Amino acid sequence: MVVTRARGFTYLMLLWWMAVSSVLLAALGQSWAIEARRQREMELVFRGEQIKTALTAYQEATPTLPKVPPTRLEDLLEDRRGPAIKRHLRKLWPDPITGSGWGLVRQGDFIRGVYSQSDQQPLRAPDSVKRYDEWRFEQSP
């Protein structure tokens, strides 16, 4: 009879241990998800600022007047307007939030900036930004 009680106790302890482990793993999973989102948001800022800087460099490198921004993002990779090829951007990164292309801020045919096309709420953003698609990385006028 003593053996039967010990088996029941061990079974209850195993169930308790599995319940506690599952709660802890769920909390850890949520923490990992928030950290991954925070990393993607930091990458959004980095990539957006790099594209913004490249847009400004492209416009400043215009050999004639008026100095105009590009009409395509691909123009930032190889600027063939002068005697030598200039590379204002090493590669076109996708939007880290959506994993696809950027939304373009246009002024006529020209690109003035980029933004994420996600409608999610960011973790950390400037005060006026409530969704990712409101967070603009564009040249100052």
C-alpha atoms as a PDB file:
ATOM      1  CA  MET A   1       0.000   0.000   0.000  1.00  0.00           C
ATOM      2  CA  VAL A   2       2.836   2.380   0.591  1.00  0.00           C
ATOM      3  CA  VAL A   3       4.025   1.889  -3.000  1.00  0.00           C
ATOM      4  CA  THR A   4       0.611   2.945  -4.383  1.00  0.00           C
ATOM      5  CA  ARG A   5       0.640   6.200  -2.435  1.00  0.00           C
ATOM      6  CA  ALA A   6       4.152   7.000  -3.632  1.00  0.00           C
ATOM      7  CA  ARG A   7       3.156   6.484  -7.271  1.00  0.00           C
ATOM      8  CA  GLY A   8       0.173   8.787  -6.908  1.00  0.00           C
ATOM      9  CA  PHE A   9       2.340  11.448  -5.286  1.00  0.00           C
ATOM     10  CA  THR A  10       4.929  11.196  -8.064  1.00  0.00           C
ATOM     11  CA  TYR A  11       2.210  11.490 -10.689  1.00  0.00           C
ATOM     12  CA  LEU A  12       0.803  14.627  -9.034  1.00  0.00           C
ATOM     13  CA  MET A  13       4.268  16.165  -8.784  1.00  0.00           C
ATOM     14  CA  LEU A  14       4.860  15.446 -12.483  1.00  0.00           C
ATOM     15  CA  LEU A  15       1.559  17.138 -13.415  1.00  0.00           C
ATOM     16  CA  TRP A  16       2.397  20.124 -11.216  1.00  0.00           C
ATOM     17  CA  TRP A  17       5.873  20.388 -12.745  1.00  0.00           C
ATOM     18  CA  MET A  18       4.414  20.266 -16.287  1.00  0.00           C
ATOM     19  CA  ALA A  19       1.879  22.996 -15.454  1.00  0.00           C
ATOM     20  CA  VAL A  20       4.520  25.305 -13.986  1.00  0.00           C
ATOM     21  CA  SER A  21       6.880  24.621 -16.902  1.00  0.00           C
ATOM     22  CA  SER A  22       4.211  25.430 -19.482  1.00  0.00           C
ATOM     23  CA  VAL A  23       3.376  28.742 -17.763  1.00  0.00           C
ATOM     24  CA  LEU A  24       7.052  29.693 -17.648  1.00  0.00           C
ATOM     25  CA  LEU A  25       7.596  28.720 -21.281  1.00  0.00           C
ATOM     26  CA  ALA A  26       4.566  30.761 -22.345  1.00  0.00           C
ATOM     27  CA  ALA A  27       5.932  33.820 -20.521  1.00  0.00           C
ATOM     28  CA  LEU A  28       9.354  33.269 -22.039  1.00  0.00           C
ATOM     29  CA  GLY A  29       7.846  32.932 -25.518  1.00  0.00           C
ATOM     30  CA  GLN A  30       6.014  36.221 -25.131  1.00  0.00           C
ATOM     31  CA  SER A  31       9.207  37.891 -23.947  1.00  0.00           C
ATOM     32  CA  TRP A  32      11.072  36.549 -26.991  1.00  0.00           C
ATOM     33  CA  ALA A  33       8.336  37.819 -29.310  1.00  0.00           C
ATOM     34  CA  ILE A  34       8.521  41.326 -27.840  1.00  0.00           C
ATOM     35  CA  GLU A  35      12.320  41.314 -28.090  1.00  0.00           C
ATOM     36  CA  ALA A  36      12.156  40.179 -31.729  1.00  0.00           C
ATOM     37  CA  ARG A  37       9.684  42.965 -32.486  1.00  0.00           C
ATOM     38  CA  ARG A  38      11.938  45.488 -30.738  1.00  0.00           C
ATOM     39  CA  GLN A  39      14.874  44.300 -32.878  1.00  0.00           C
ATOM     40  CA  ARG A  40      12.805  44.652 -36.077  1.00  0.00           C
ATOM     41  CA  GLU A  41      11.820  48.152 -35.002  1.00  0.00           C
ATOM     42  CA  MET A  42      15.469  49.112 -34.460  1.00  0.00           C
ATOM     43  CA  GLU A  43      16.256  47.695 -37.898  1.00  0.00           C
ATOM     44  CA  LEU A  44      13.382  49.756 -39.364  1.00  0.00           C
ATOM     45  CA  VAL A  45      14.949  52.938 -38.007  1.00  0.00           C
ATOM     46  CA  PHE A  46      18.426  51.968 -39.248  1.00  0.00           C
ATOM     47  CA  ARG A  47      17.266  51.038 -42.750  1.00  0.00           C
ATOM     48  CA  GLY A  48      14.937  54.019 -43.021  1.00  0.00           C
ATOM     49  CA  GLU A  49      17.692  56.442 -42.021  1.00  0.00           C
ATOM     50  CA  GLN A  50      20.132  54.811 -44.480  1.00  0.00           C
ATOM     51  CA  ILE A  51      17.647  55.209 -47.332  1.00  0.00           C
ATOM     52  CA  LYS A  52      16.918  58.792 -46.297  1.00  0.00           C
ATOM     53  CA  THR A  53      20.659  59.594 -46.304  1.00  0.00           C
ATOM     54  CA  ALA A  54      21.063  57.911 -49.706  1.00  0.00           C
ATOM     55  CA  LEU A  55      18.185  59.957 -51.136  1.00  0.00           C
ATOM     56  CA  THR A  56      19.864  63.170 -49.975  1.00  0.00           C
ATOM     57  CA  ALA A  57      23.257  62.050 -51.358  1.00  0.00           C
ATOM     58  CA  TYR A  58      21.668  61.180 -54.711  1.00  0.00           C
ATOM     59  CA  GLN A  59      20.024  64.577 -54.949  1.00  0.00           C
ATOM     60  CA  GLU A  60      23.234  66.406 -53.989  1.00  0.00           C
ATOM     61  CA  ALA A  61      25.210  64.420 -56.578  1.00  0.00           C
ATOM     62  CA  THR A  62      23.000  65.610 -59.439  1.00  0.00           C
ATOM     63  CA  PRO A  63      25.483  67.006 -61.991  1.00  0.00           C
ATOM     64  CA  THR A  64      23.055  69.617 -63.384  1.00  0.00           C
ATOM     65  CA  LEU A  65      20.530  72.034 -61.989  1.00  0.00           C
ATOM     66  CA  PRO A  66      17.894  71.582 -60.685  1.00  0.00           C
ATOM     67  CA  LYS A  67      19.059  68.934 -58.231  1.00  0.00           C
ATOM     68  CA  VAL A  68      16.378  66.236 -58.263  1.00  0.00           C
ATOM     69  CA  PRO A  69      15.725  63.140 -56.132  1.00  0.00           C
ATOM     70  CA  PRO A  70      15.492  59.698 -57.784  1.00  0.00           C
ATOM     71  CA  THR A  71      12.359  58.328 -59.422  1.00  0.00           C
ATOM     72  CA  ARG A  72      13.140  54.729 -58.344  1.00  0.00           C
ATOM     73  CA  LEU A  73      14.868  53.290 -55.277  1.00  0.00           C
ATOM     74  CA  GLU A  74      17.037  51.172 -57.593  1.00  0.00           C
ATOM     75  CA  ASP A  75      18.683  54.414 -58.797  1.00  0.00           C
ATOM     76  CA  LEU A  76      20.360  54.654 -55.377  1.00  0.00           C
ATOM     77  CA  LEU A  77      22.324  51.456 -56.061  1.00  0.00           C
ATOM     78  CA  GLU A  78      24.008  52.671 -59.261  1.00  0.00           C
ATOM     79  CA  ASP A  79      23.978  56.357 -60.054  1.00  0.00           C
ATOM     80  CA  ARG A  80      25.141  56.570 -63.678  1.00  0.00           C
ATOM     81  CA  ARG A  81      24.424  60.276 -64.193  1.00  0.00           C
ATOM     82  CA  GLY A  82      28.060  61.376 -63.950  1.00  0.00           C
ATOM     83  CA  PRO A  83      31.340  60.219 -65.433  1.00  0.00           C
ATOM     84  CA  ALA A  84      31.821  57.654 -62.637  1.00  0.00           C
ATOM     85  CA  ILE A  85      29.251  55.306 -61.111  1.00  0.00           C
ATOM     86  CA  LYS A  86      28.261  56.291 -57.567  1.00  0.00           C
ATOM     87  CA  ARG A  87      26.647  53.930 -55.100  1.00  0.00           C
ATOM     88  CA  HIS A  88      24.565  55.844 -52.574  1.00  0.00           C
ATOM     89  CA  LEU A  89      23.167  52.643 -51.071  1.00  0.00           C
ATOM     90  CA  ARG A  90      24.860  49.247 -50.929  1.00  0.00           C
ATOM     91  CA  LYS A  91      21.652  47.224 -51.281  1.00  0.00           C
ATOM     92  CA  LEU A  92      17.888  47.693 -51.121  1.00  0.00           C
ATOM     93  CA  TRP A  93      16.725  46.154 -47.887  1.00  0.00           C
ATOM     94  CA  PRO A  94      13.105  45.095 -47.486  1.00  0.00           C
ATOM     95  CA  ASP A  95      10.954  46.671 -44.828  1.00  0.00           C
ATOM     96  CA  PRO A  96      11.852  44.693 -41.653  1.00  0.00           C
ATOM     97  CA  ILE A  97       8.340  44.963 -40.208  1.00  0.00           C
ATOM     98  CA  THR A  98       6.442  43.514 -43.179  1.00  0.00           C
ATOM     99  CA  GLY A  99       9.324  41.722 -44.911  1.00  0.00           C
ATOM    100  CA  SER A 100       8.260  43.198 -48.255  1.00  0.00           C
ATOM    101  CA  GLY A 101       8.750  46.484 -50.117  1.00  0.00           C
ATOM    102  CA  TRP A 102       8.633  49.971 -48.678  1.00  0.00           C
ATOM    103  CA  GLY A 103       5.890  52.505 -49.118  1.00  0.00           C
ATOM    104  CA  LEU A 104       7.197  55.504 -51.051  1.00  0.00           C
ATOM    105  CA  VAL A 105       6.705  59.170 -50.162  1.00  0.00           C
ATOM    106  CA  ARG A 106       6.492  60.856 -53.535  1.00  0.00           C
ATOM    107  CA  GLN A 107       6.581  64.431 -54.698  1.00  0.00           C
ATOM    108  CA  GLY A 108       5.397  64.233 -58.263  1.00  0.00           C
ATOM    109  CA  ASP A 109       7.477  61.509 -59.933  1.00  0.00           C
ATOM    110  CA  PHE A 110      10.321  61.825 -57.422  1.00  0.00           C
ATOM    111  CA  ILE A 111      10.888  59.824 -54.226  1.00  0.00           C
ATOM    112  CA  ARG A 112      11.267  61.974 -51.112  1.00  0.00           C
ATOM    113  CA  GLY A 113      11.211  59.176 -48.517  1.00  0.00           C
ATOM    114  CA  VAL A 114      10.045  55.741 -47.416  1.00  0.00           C
ATOM    115  CA  TYR A 115       7.774  54.232 -44.770  1.00  0.00           C
ATOM    116  CA  SER A 116       6.654  50.827 -43.572  1.00  0.00           C
ATOM    117  CA  GLN A 117       3.300  49.661 -44.912  1.00  0.00           C
ATOM    118  CA  SER A 118       2.368  47.921 -41.653  1.00  0.00           C
ATOM    119  CA  ASP A 119      -0.667  49.195 -39.741  1.00  0.00           C
ATOM    120  CA  GLN A 120       0.544  47.760 -36.396  1.00  0.00           C
ATOM    121  CA  GLN A 121       1.262  49.939 -33.405  1.00  0.00           C
ATOM    122  CA  PRO A 122       5.002  50.422 -32.744  1.00  0.00           C
ATOM    123  CA  LEU A 123       6.594  49.714 -29.362  1.00  0.00           C
ATOM    124  CA  ARG A 124       8.755  52.848 -29.365  1.00  0.00           C
ATOM    125  CA  ALA A 125       8.185  55.639 -31.837  1.00  0.00           C
ATOM    126  CA  PRO A 126       8.142  59.439 -31.987  1.00  0.00           C
ATOM    127  CA  ASP A 127       5.180  61.005 -30.165  1.00  0.00           C
ATOM    128  CA  SER A 128       3.169  61.805 -33.302  1.00  0.00           C
ATOM    129  CA  VAL A 129       3.421  58.228 -34.647  1.00  0.00           C
ATOM    130  CA  LYS A 130       0.617  55.810 -33.745  1.00  0.00           C
ATOM    131  CA  ARG A 131       1.200  53.167 -36.474  1.00  0.00           C
ATOM    132  CA  TYR A 132       4.225  52.052 -38.474  1.00  0.00           C
ATOM    133  CA  ASP A 133       2.803  53.456 -41.722  1.00  0.00           C
ATOM    134  CA  GLU A 134       2.823  56.938 -40.140  1.00  0.00           C
ATOM    135  CA  TRP A 135       6.571  56.707 -39.358  1.00  0.00           C
ATOM    136  CA  ARG A 136       8.180  58.491 -42.313  1.00  0.00           C
ATOM    137  CA  PHE A 137      11.852  58.581 -43.259  1.00  0.00           C
ATOM    138  CA  GLU A 138      11.965  61.430 -45.724  1.00  0.00           C
ATOM    139  CA  GLN A 139      14.220  64.258 -46.787  1.00  0.00           C
ATOM    140  CA  SER A 140      13.628  67.625 -45.235  1.00  0.00           C
ATOM    141  CA  PRO A 141      12.179  70.046 -47.803  1.00  0.00           C
END
